[in-house]
């Protein structure tokens, strides 16, 4: 079994999740409420909003020392994804 899982008894995990369930659901609801970008005619700013919110949620966990939004070129062009 994964040692990370062994570090937390099941009742501790359940207690933690129950104590913060409404906050987690609120954060996830806000994240999924950001409109999707399915093709170029949509506002790309929505992708940036989603990335920024995801970055903040991950950073707020305190599990990582550095959380960054990284963009890469799409195909052979200069357009960033």
PDB file of N, CA and C in Angstrom:
ATOM      1  N   UNK A   1       0.840  -1.184   0.000  1.00  0.00           N
ATOM      2  CA  UNK A   1       0.000   0.000   0.000  1.00  0.00           C
ATOM      3  C   UNK A   1       0.886   1.248   0.000  1.00  0.00           C
ATOM      4  N   UNK A   2       0.414   2.313  -0.580  1.00  0.00           N
ATOM      5  CA  UNK A   2       1.136   3.578  -0.659  1.00  0.00           C
ATOM      6  C   UNK A   2       1.352   4.139   0.747  1.00  0.00           C
ATOM      7  N   UNK A   3       2.583   4.478   1.100  1.00  0.00           N
ATOM      8  CA  UNK A   3       2.889   4.982   2.439  1.00  0.00           C
ATOM      9  C   UNK A   3       2.201   6.307   2.733  1.00  0.00           C
ATOM     10  N   UNK A   4       1.902   7.096   1.697  1.00  0.00           N
ATOM     11  CA  UNK A   4       1.191   8.354   1.923  1.00  0.00           C
ATOM     12  C   UNK A   4      -0.205   8.082   2.451  1.00  0.00           C
ATOM     13  N   UNK A   5      -0.835   7.033   1.972  1.00  0.00           N
ATOM     14  CA  UNK A   5      -2.171   6.677   2.439  1.00  0.00           C
ATOM     15  C   UNK A   5      -2.098   6.166   3.870  1.00  0.00           C
ATOM     16  N   UNK A   6      -1.064   5.390   4.201  1.00  0.00           N
ATOM     17  CA  UNK A   6      -0.906   4.842   5.545  1.00  0.00           C
ATOM     18  C   UNK A   6      -0.722   5.937   6.594  1.00  0.00           C
ATOM     19  N   UNK A   7      -0.240   7.086   6.197  1.00  0.00           N
ATOM     20  CA  UNK A   7       0.048   8.157   7.148  1.00  0.00           C
ATOM     21  C   UNK A   7      -1.213   8.746   7.767  1.00  0.00           C
ATOM     22  N   UNK A   8      -2.356   8.564   7.151  1.00  0.00           N
ATOM     23  CA  UNK A   8      -3.604   9.126   7.641  1.00  0.00           C
ATOM     24  C   UNK A   8      -4.620   8.016   7.873  1.00  0.00           C
ATOM     25  N   UNK A   9      -5.026   7.822   9.122  1.00  0.00           N
ATOM     26  CA  UNK A   9      -6.078   6.825   9.362  1.00  0.00           C
ATOM     27  C   UNK A   9      -7.354   7.222   8.626  1.00  0.00           C
ATOM     28  N   UNK A  10      -8.137   6.248   8.224  1.00  0.00           N
ATOM     29  CA  UNK A  10      -9.360   6.521   7.466  1.00  0.00           C
ATOM     30  C   UNK A  10     -10.271   7.511   8.171  1.00  0.00           C
ATOM     31  N   UNK A  11     -10.392   7.415   9.492  1.00  0.00           N
ATOM     32  CA  UNK A  11     -11.282   8.328  10.200  1.00  0.00           C
ATOM     33  C   UNK A  11     -10.771   9.763  10.148  1.00  0.00           C
ATOM     34  N   UNK A  12      -9.462   9.969  10.085  1.00  0.00           N
ATOM     35  CA  UNK A  12      -8.912  11.319   9.962  1.00  0.00           C
ATOM     36  C   UNK A  12      -9.253  11.927   8.610  1.00  0.00           C
ATOM     37  N   UNK A  13      -9.151  11.131   7.572  1.00  0.00           N
ATOM     38  CA  UNK A  13      -9.490  11.611   6.228  1.00  0.00           C
ATOM     39  C   UNK A  13     -10.968  11.951   6.163  1.00  0.00           C
ATOM     40  N   UNK A  14     -11.803  11.056   6.667  1.00  0.00           N
ATOM     41  CA  UNK A  14     -13.248  11.311   6.664  1.00  0.00           C
ATOM     42  C   UNK A  14     -13.590  12.568   7.449  1.00  0.00           C
ATOM     43  N   UNK A  15     -12.984  12.732   8.604  1.00  0.00           N
ATOM     44  CA  UNK A  15     -13.243  13.914   9.431  1.00  0.00           C
ATOM     45  C   UNK A  15     -12.831  15.188   8.709  1.00  0.00           C
ATOM     46  N   UNK A  16     -11.664  15.144   8.091  1.00  0.00           N
ATOM     47  CA  UNK A  16     -11.179  16.315   7.355  1.00  0.00           C
ATOM     48  C   UNK A  16     -12.130  16.674   6.220  1.00  0.00           C
ATOM     49  N   UNK A  17     -12.506  15.683   5.430  1.00  0.00           N
ATOM     50  CA  UNK A  17     -13.386  15.942   4.292  1.00  0.00           C
ATOM     51  C   UNK A  17     -14.746  16.450   4.742  1.00  0.00           C
ATOM     52  N   UNK A  18     -15.274  15.911   5.820  1.00  0.00           N
ATOM     53  CA  UNK A  18     -16.563  16.380   6.325  1.00  0.00           C
ATOM     54  C   UNK A  18     -16.467  17.808   6.842  1.00  0.00           C
ATOM     55  N   UNK A  19     -15.346  18.149   7.462  1.00  0.00           N
ATOM     56  CA  UNK A  19     -15.196  19.488   8.028  1.00  0.00           C
ATOM     57  C   UNK A  19     -15.068  20.576   6.966  1.00  0.00           C
ATOM     58  N   UNK A  20     -14.594  20.217   5.803  1.00  0.00           N
ATOM     59  CA  UNK A  20     -14.388  21.241   4.775  1.00  0.00           C
ATOM     60  C   UNK A  20     -15.200  20.978   3.507  1.00  0.00           C
ATOM     61  N   UNK A  21     -16.154  20.066   3.571  1.00  0.00           N
ATOM     62  CA  UNK A  21     -16.911  19.688   2.375  1.00  0.00           C
ATOM     63  C   UNK A  21     -17.622  20.872   1.732  1.00  0.00           C
ATOM     64  N   UNK A  22     -18.301  21.696   2.521  1.00  0.00           N
ATOM     65  CA  UNK A  22     -19.050  22.795   1.910  1.00  0.00           C
ATOM     66  C   UNK A  22     -18.114  23.793   1.243  1.00  0.00           C
ATOM     67  N   UNK A  23     -16.963  24.062   1.854  1.00  0.00           N
ATOM     68  CA  UNK A  23     -15.997  24.964   1.235  1.00  0.00           C
ATOM     69  C   UNK A  23     -15.434  24.400  -0.048  1.00  0.00           C
ATOM     70  N   UNK A  24     -15.106  23.111  -0.035  1.00  0.00           N
ATOM     71  CA  UNK A  24     -14.585  22.464  -1.243  1.00  0.00           C
ATOM     72  C   UNK A  24     -15.613  22.482  -2.358  1.00  0.00           C
ATOM     73  N   UNK A  25     -16.855  22.189  -2.017  1.00  0.00           N
ATOM     74  CA  UNK A  25     -17.910  22.204  -3.039  1.00  0.00           C
ATOM     75  C   UNK A  25     -18.112  23.602  -3.601  1.00  0.00           C
ATOM     76  N   UNK A  26     -18.024  24.612  -2.753  1.00  0.00           N
ATOM     77  CA  UNK A  26     -18.152  25.986  -3.223  1.00  0.00           C
ATOM     78  C   UNK A  26     -17.033  26.369  -4.173  1.00  0.00           C
ATOM     79  N   UNK A  27     -15.802  25.972  -3.823  1.00  0.00           N
ATOM     80  CA  UNK A  27     -14.657  26.275  -4.688  1.00  0.00           C
ATOM     81  C   UNK A  27     -14.768  25.553  -6.023  1.00  0.00           C
ATOM     82  N   UNK A  28     -15.140  24.288  -5.984  1.00  0.00           N
ATOM     83  CA  UNK A  28     -15.287  23.528  -7.230  1.00  0.00           C
ATOM     84  C   UNK A  28     -16.438  24.063  -8.070  1.00  0.00           C
ATOM     85  N   UNK A  29     -17.525  24.477  -7.424  1.00  0.00           N
ATOM     86  CA  UNK A  29     -18.662  25.051  -8.154  1.00  0.00           C
ATOM     87  C   UNK A  29     -18.250  26.329  -8.871  1.00  0.00           C
ATOM     88  N   UNK A  30     -17.477  27.170  -8.192  1.00  0.00           N
ATOM     89  CA  UNK A  30     -17.001  28.410  -8.814  1.00  0.00           C
ATOM     90  C   UNK A  30     -16.082  28.107  -9.989  1.00  0.00           C
ATOM     91  N   UNK A  31     -15.252  27.088  -9.840  1.00  0.00           N
ATOM     92  CA  UNK A  31     -14.325  26.727 -10.915  1.00  0.00           C
ATOM     93  C   UNK A  31     -15.069  26.220 -12.143  1.00  0.00           C
ATOM     94  N   UNK A  32     -16.015  25.326 -11.958  1.00  0.00           N
ATOM     95  CA  UNK A  32     -16.721  24.779 -13.121  1.00  0.00           C
ATOM     96  C   UNK A  32     -17.720  25.766 -13.711  1.00  0.00           C
ATOM     97  N   UNK A  33     -18.020  26.853 -12.997  1.00  0.00           N
ATOM     98  CA  UNK A  33     -18.922  27.872 -13.532  1.00  0.00           C
ATOM     99  C   UNK A  33     -18.244  28.763 -14.568  1.00  0.00           C
ATOM    100  N   UNK A  34     -16.915  28.732 -14.633  1.00  0.00           N
ATOM    101  CA  UNK A  34     -16.192  29.522 -15.632  1.00  0.00           C
ATOM    102  C   UNK A  34     -16.451  28.886 -16.992  1.00  0.00           C
ATOM    103  N   UNK A  35     -16.982  29.659 -17.941  1.00  0.00           N
ATOM    104  CA  UNK A  35     -17.305  29.081 -19.252  1.00  0.00           C
ATOM    105  C   UNK A  35     -16.098  28.434 -19.928  1.00  0.00           C
ATOM    106  N   UNK A  36     -16.368  27.376 -20.634  1.00  0.00           N
ATOM    107  CA  UNK A  36     -15.329  26.641 -21.351  1.00  0.00           C
ATOM    108  C   UNK A  36     -14.969  27.352 -22.646  1.00  0.00           C
ATOM    109  N   UNK A  37     -13.796  27.069 -23.123  1.00  0.00           N
ATOM    110  CA  UNK A  37     -13.349  27.600 -24.410  1.00  0.00           C
ATOM    111  C   UNK A  37     -13.181  26.414 -25.343  1.00  0.00           C
ATOM    112  N   UNK A  38     -14.118  26.289 -26.282  1.00  0.00           N
ATOM    113  CA  UNK A  38     -14.115  25.118 -27.158  1.00  0.00           C
ATOM    114  C   UNK A  38     -13.531  25.392 -28.531  1.00  0.00           C
ATOM    115  N   UNK A  39     -13.521  26.635 -28.954  1.00  0.00           N
ATOM    116  CA  UNK A  39     -12.954  26.973 -30.256  1.00  0.00           C
ATOM    117  C   UNK A  39     -12.539  28.438 -30.245  1.00  0.00           C
ATOM    118  N   UNK A  40     -11.781  28.884 -31.224  1.00  0.00           N
ATOM    119  CA  UNK A  40     -11.173  30.219 -31.201  1.00  0.00           C
ATOM    120  C   UNK A  40     -12.134  31.391 -31.009  1.00  0.00           C
ATOM    121  N   UNK A  41     -13.413  31.255 -31.350  1.00  0.00           N
ATOM    122  CA  UNK A  41     -14.319  32.392 -31.223  1.00  0.00           C
ATOM    123  C   UNK A  41     -14.686  32.690 -29.767  1.00  0.00           C
ATOM    124  N   UNK A  42     -14.390  31.786 -28.850  1.00  0.00           N
ATOM    125  CA  UNK A  42     -14.663  32.044 -27.445  1.00  0.00           C
ATOM    126  C   UNK A  42     -13.579  32.933 -26.856  1.00  0.00           C
ATOM    127  N   UNK A  43     -13.922  33.623 -25.777  1.00  0.00           N
ATOM    128  CA  UNK A  43     -13.000  34.535 -25.106  1.00  0.00           C
ATOM    129  C   UNK A  43     -11.915  33.744 -24.373  1.00  0.00           C
ATOM    130  N   UNK A  44     -10.685  33.867 -24.826  1.00  0.00           N
ATOM    131  CA  UNK A  44      -9.567  33.143 -24.216  1.00  0.00           C
ATOM    132  C   UNK A  44      -9.312  33.588 -22.778  1.00  0.00           C
ATOM    133  N   UNK A  45      -9.813  34.758 -22.405  1.00  0.00           N
ATOM    134  CA  UNK A  45      -9.643  35.230 -21.026  1.00  0.00           C
ATOM    135  C   UNK A  45     -10.236  34.231 -20.037  1.00  0.00           C
ATOM    136  N   UNK A  46     -11.262  33.499 -20.464  1.00  0.00           N
ATOM    137  CA  UNK A  46     -11.884  32.496 -19.584  1.00  0.00           C
ATOM    138  C   UNK A  46     -10.900  31.379 -19.238  1.00  0.00           C
ATOM    139  N   UNK A  47     -10.035  31.019 -20.178  1.00  0.00           N
ATOM    140  CA  UNK A  47      -9.017  30.000 -19.904  1.00  0.00           C
ATOM    141  C   UNK A  47      -8.055  30.527 -18.842  1.00  0.00           C
ATOM    142  N   UNK A  48      -7.687  31.790 -18.957  1.00  0.00           N
ATOM    143  CA  UNK A  48      -6.784  32.403 -17.983  1.00  0.00           C
ATOM    144  C   UNK A  48      -7.434  32.455 -16.598  1.00  0.00           C
ATOM    145  N   UNK A  49      -8.740  32.784 -16.551  1.00  0.00           N
ATOM    146  CA  UNK A  49      -9.459  32.805 -15.275  1.00  0.00           C
ATOM    147  C   UNK A  49      -9.459  31.426 -14.629  1.00  0.00           C
ATOM    148  N   UNK A  50      -9.741  30.421 -15.436  1.00  0.00           N
ATOM    149  CA  UNK A  50      -9.774  29.049 -14.939  1.00  0.00           C
ATOM    150  C   UNK A  50      -8.398  28.614 -14.440  1.00  0.00           C
ATOM    151  N   UNK A  51      -7.364  28.937 -15.202  1.00  0.00           N
ATOM    152  CA  UNK A  51      -6.001  28.573 -14.799  1.00  0.00           C
ATOM    153  C   UNK A  51      -5.606  29.280 -13.505  1.00  0.00           C
ATOM    154  N   UNK A  52      -5.940  30.551 -13.396  1.00  0.00           N
ATOM    155  CA  UNK A  52      -5.593  31.309 -12.192  1.00  0.00           C
ATOM    156  C   UNK A  52      -6.321  30.761 -10.969  1.00  0.00           C
ATOM    157  N   UNK A  53      -7.580  30.422 -11.134  1.00  0.00           N
ATOM    158  CA  UNK A  53      -8.331  29.877 -10.010  1.00  0.00           C
ATOM    159  C   UNK A  53      -7.804  28.497  -9.619  1.00  0.00           C
ATOM    160  N   UNK A  54      -7.498  27.671 -10.609  1.00  0.00           N
ATOM    161  CA  UNK A  54      -6.939  26.346 -10.331  1.00  0.00           C
ATOM    162  C   UNK A  54      -5.604  26.479  -9.610  1.00  0.00           C
ATOM    163  N   UNK A  55      -4.769  27.396 -10.077  1.00  0.00           N
ATOM    164  CA  UNK A  55      -3.475  27.639  -9.428  1.00  0.00           C
ATOM    165  C   UNK A  55      -3.669  28.042  -7.970  1.00  0.00           C
ATOM    166  N   UNK A  56      -4.594  28.944  -7.723  1.00  0.00           N
ATOM    167  CA  UNK A  56      -4.835  29.412  -6.359  1.00  0.00           C
ATOM    168  C   UNK A  56      -5.351  28.289  -5.462  1.00  0.00           C
ATOM    169  N   UNK A  57      -6.270  27.485  -5.972  1.00  0.00           N
ATOM    170  CA  UNK A  57      -6.803  26.370  -5.183  1.00  0.00           C
ATOM    171  C   UNK A  57      -5.698  25.382  -4.816  1.00  0.00           C
ATOM    172  N   UNK A  58      -4.823  25.097  -5.762  1.00  0.00           N
ATOM    173  CA  UNK A  58      -3.722  24.167  -5.492  1.00  0.00           C
ATOM    174  C   UNK A  58      -2.734  24.791  -4.508  1.00  0.00           C
ATOM    175  N   UNK A  59      -2.428  26.065  -4.708  1.00  0.00           N
ATOM    176  CA  UNK A  59      -1.497  26.753  -3.811  1.00  0.00           C
ATOM    177  C   UNK A  59      -2.051  26.785  -2.387  1.00  0.00           C
ATOM    178  N   UNK A  60      -3.349  26.993  -2.244  1.00  0.00           N
ATOM    179  CA  UNK A  60      -3.972  27.081  -0.924  1.00  0.00           C
ATOM    180  C   UNK A  60      -3.921  25.774  -0.141  1.00  0.00           C
ATOM    181  N   UNK A  61      -3.672  24.660  -0.813  1.00  0.00           N
ATOM    182  CA  UNK A  61      -3.562  23.393  -0.092  1.00  0.00           C
ATOM    183  C   UNK A  61      -2.314  23.356   0.771  1.00  0.00           C
ATOM    184  N   UNK A  62      -1.288  24.134   0.391  1.00  0.00           N
ATOM    185  CA  UNK A  62      -0.037  24.131   1.124  1.00  0.00           C
ATOM    186  C   UNK A  62       0.829  22.912   0.855  1.00  0.00           C
ATOM    187  N   UNK A  63       0.431  22.102  -0.100  1.00  0.00           N
ATOM    188  CA  UNK A  63       1.175  20.881  -0.397  1.00  0.00           C
ATOM    189  C   UNK A  63       2.366  21.108  -1.318  1.00  0.00           C
ATOM    190  N   UNK A  64       2.384  22.254  -2.005  1.00  0.00           N
ATOM    191  CA  UNK A  64       3.427  22.513  -2.995  1.00  0.00           C
ATOM    192  C   UNK A  64       4.103  23.838  -2.685  1.00  0.00           C
ATOM    193  N   UNK A  65       5.415  23.891  -2.850  1.00  0.00           N
ATOM    194  CA  UNK A  65       6.147  25.128  -2.589  1.00  0.00           C
ATOM    195  C   UNK A  65       6.019  26.117  -3.745  1.00  0.00           C
ATOM    196  N   UNK A  66       5.718  25.625  -4.930  1.00  0.00           N
ATOM    197  CA  UNK A  66       5.606  26.490  -6.100  1.00  0.00           C
ATOM    198  C   UNK A  66       4.518  25.957  -7.022  1.00  0.00           C
ATOM    199  N   UNK A  67       3.590  26.818  -7.372  1.00  0.00           N
ATOM    200  CA  UNK A  67       2.525  26.454  -8.306  1.00  0.00           C
ATOM    201  C   UNK A  67       2.514  27.525  -9.389  1.00  0.00           C
ATOM    202  N   UNK A  68       2.666  27.121 -10.635  1.00  0.00           N
ATOM    203  CA  UNK A  68       2.773  28.088 -11.725  1.00  0.00           C
ATOM    204  C   UNK A  68       1.842  27.723 -12.871  1.00  0.00           C
ATOM    205  N   UNK A  69       1.435  28.737 -13.594  1.00  0.00           N
ATOM    206  CA  UNK A  69       0.681  28.548 -14.832  1.00  0.00           C
ATOM    207  C   UNK A  69       1.705  28.586 -15.959  1.00  0.00           C
ATOM    208  N   UNK A  70       1.756  27.538 -16.732  1.00  0.00           N
ATOM    209  CA  UNK A  70       2.732  27.430 -17.810  1.00  0.00           C
ATOM    210  C   UNK A  70       1.983  27.350 -19.131  1.00  0.00           C
ATOM    211  N   UNK A  71       2.415  28.142 -20.096  1.00  0.00           N
ATOM    212  CA  UNK A  71       1.800  28.126 -21.423  1.00  0.00           C
ATOM    213  C   UNK A  71       2.803  27.584 -22.421  1.00  0.00           C
ATOM    214  N   UNK A  72       2.300  26.915 -23.424  1.00  0.00           N
ATOM    215  CA  UNK A  72       3.159  26.333 -24.463  1.00  0.00           C
ATOM    216  C   UNK A  72       2.582  26.665 -25.828  1.00  0.00           C
ATOM    217  N   UNK A  73       3.438  26.689 -26.835  1.00  0.00           N
ATOM    218  CA  UNK A  73       2.953  26.969 -28.187  1.00  0.00           C
ATOM    219  C   UNK A  73       2.102  25.808 -28.677  1.00  0.00           C
ATOM    220  N   UNK A  74       1.133  26.165 -29.504  1.00  0.00           N
ATOM    221  CA  UNK A  74       0.221  25.171 -30.064  1.00  0.00           C
ATOM    222  C   UNK A  74       0.695  24.833 -31.472  1.00  0.00           C
ATOM    223  N   UNK A  75       1.128  23.627 -31.685  1.00  0.00           N
ATOM    224  CA  UNK A  75       1.601  23.229 -33.005  1.00  0.00           C
ATOM    225  C   UNK A  75       2.871  23.968 -33.364  1.00  0.00           C
ATOM    226  N   UNK A  76       3.001  24.284 -34.647  1.00  0.00           N
ATOM    227  CA  UNK A  76       4.209  24.942 -35.134  1.00  0.00           C
ATOM    228  C   UNK A  76       4.110  26.464 -35.069  1.00  0.00           C
ATOM    229  N   UNK A  77       2.928  26.987 -34.736  1.00  0.00           N
ATOM    230  CA  UNK A  77       2.739  28.430 -34.734  1.00  0.00           C
ATOM    231  C   UNK A  77       3.205  29.092 -33.456  1.00  0.00           C
ATOM    232  N   UNK A  78       2.958  30.399 -33.388  1.00  0.00           N
ATOM    233  CA  UNK A  78       3.346  31.171 -32.216  1.00  0.00           C
ATOM    234  C   UNK A  78       2.214  31.288 -31.209  1.00  0.00           C
ATOM    235  N   UNK A  79       1.016  30.818 -31.562  1.00  0.00           N
ATOM    236  CA  UNK A  79      -0.128  30.901 -30.660  1.00  0.00           C
ATOM    237  C   UNK A  79       0.129  30.043 -29.426  1.00  0.00           C
ATOM    238  N   UNK A  80      -0.126  30.640 -28.261  1.00  0.00           N
ATOM    239  CA  UNK A  80       0.071  29.907 -27.014  1.00  0.00           C
ATOM    240  C   UNK A  80      -1.236  29.283 -26.563  1.00  0.00           C
ATOM    241  N   UNK A  81      -1.130  28.101 -26.027  1.00  0.00           N
ATOM    242  CA  UNK A  81      -2.299  27.399 -25.493  1.00  0.00           C
ATOM    243  C   UNK A  81      -2.403  27.594 -24.014  1.00  0.00           C
TER     244      UNK A  81
END
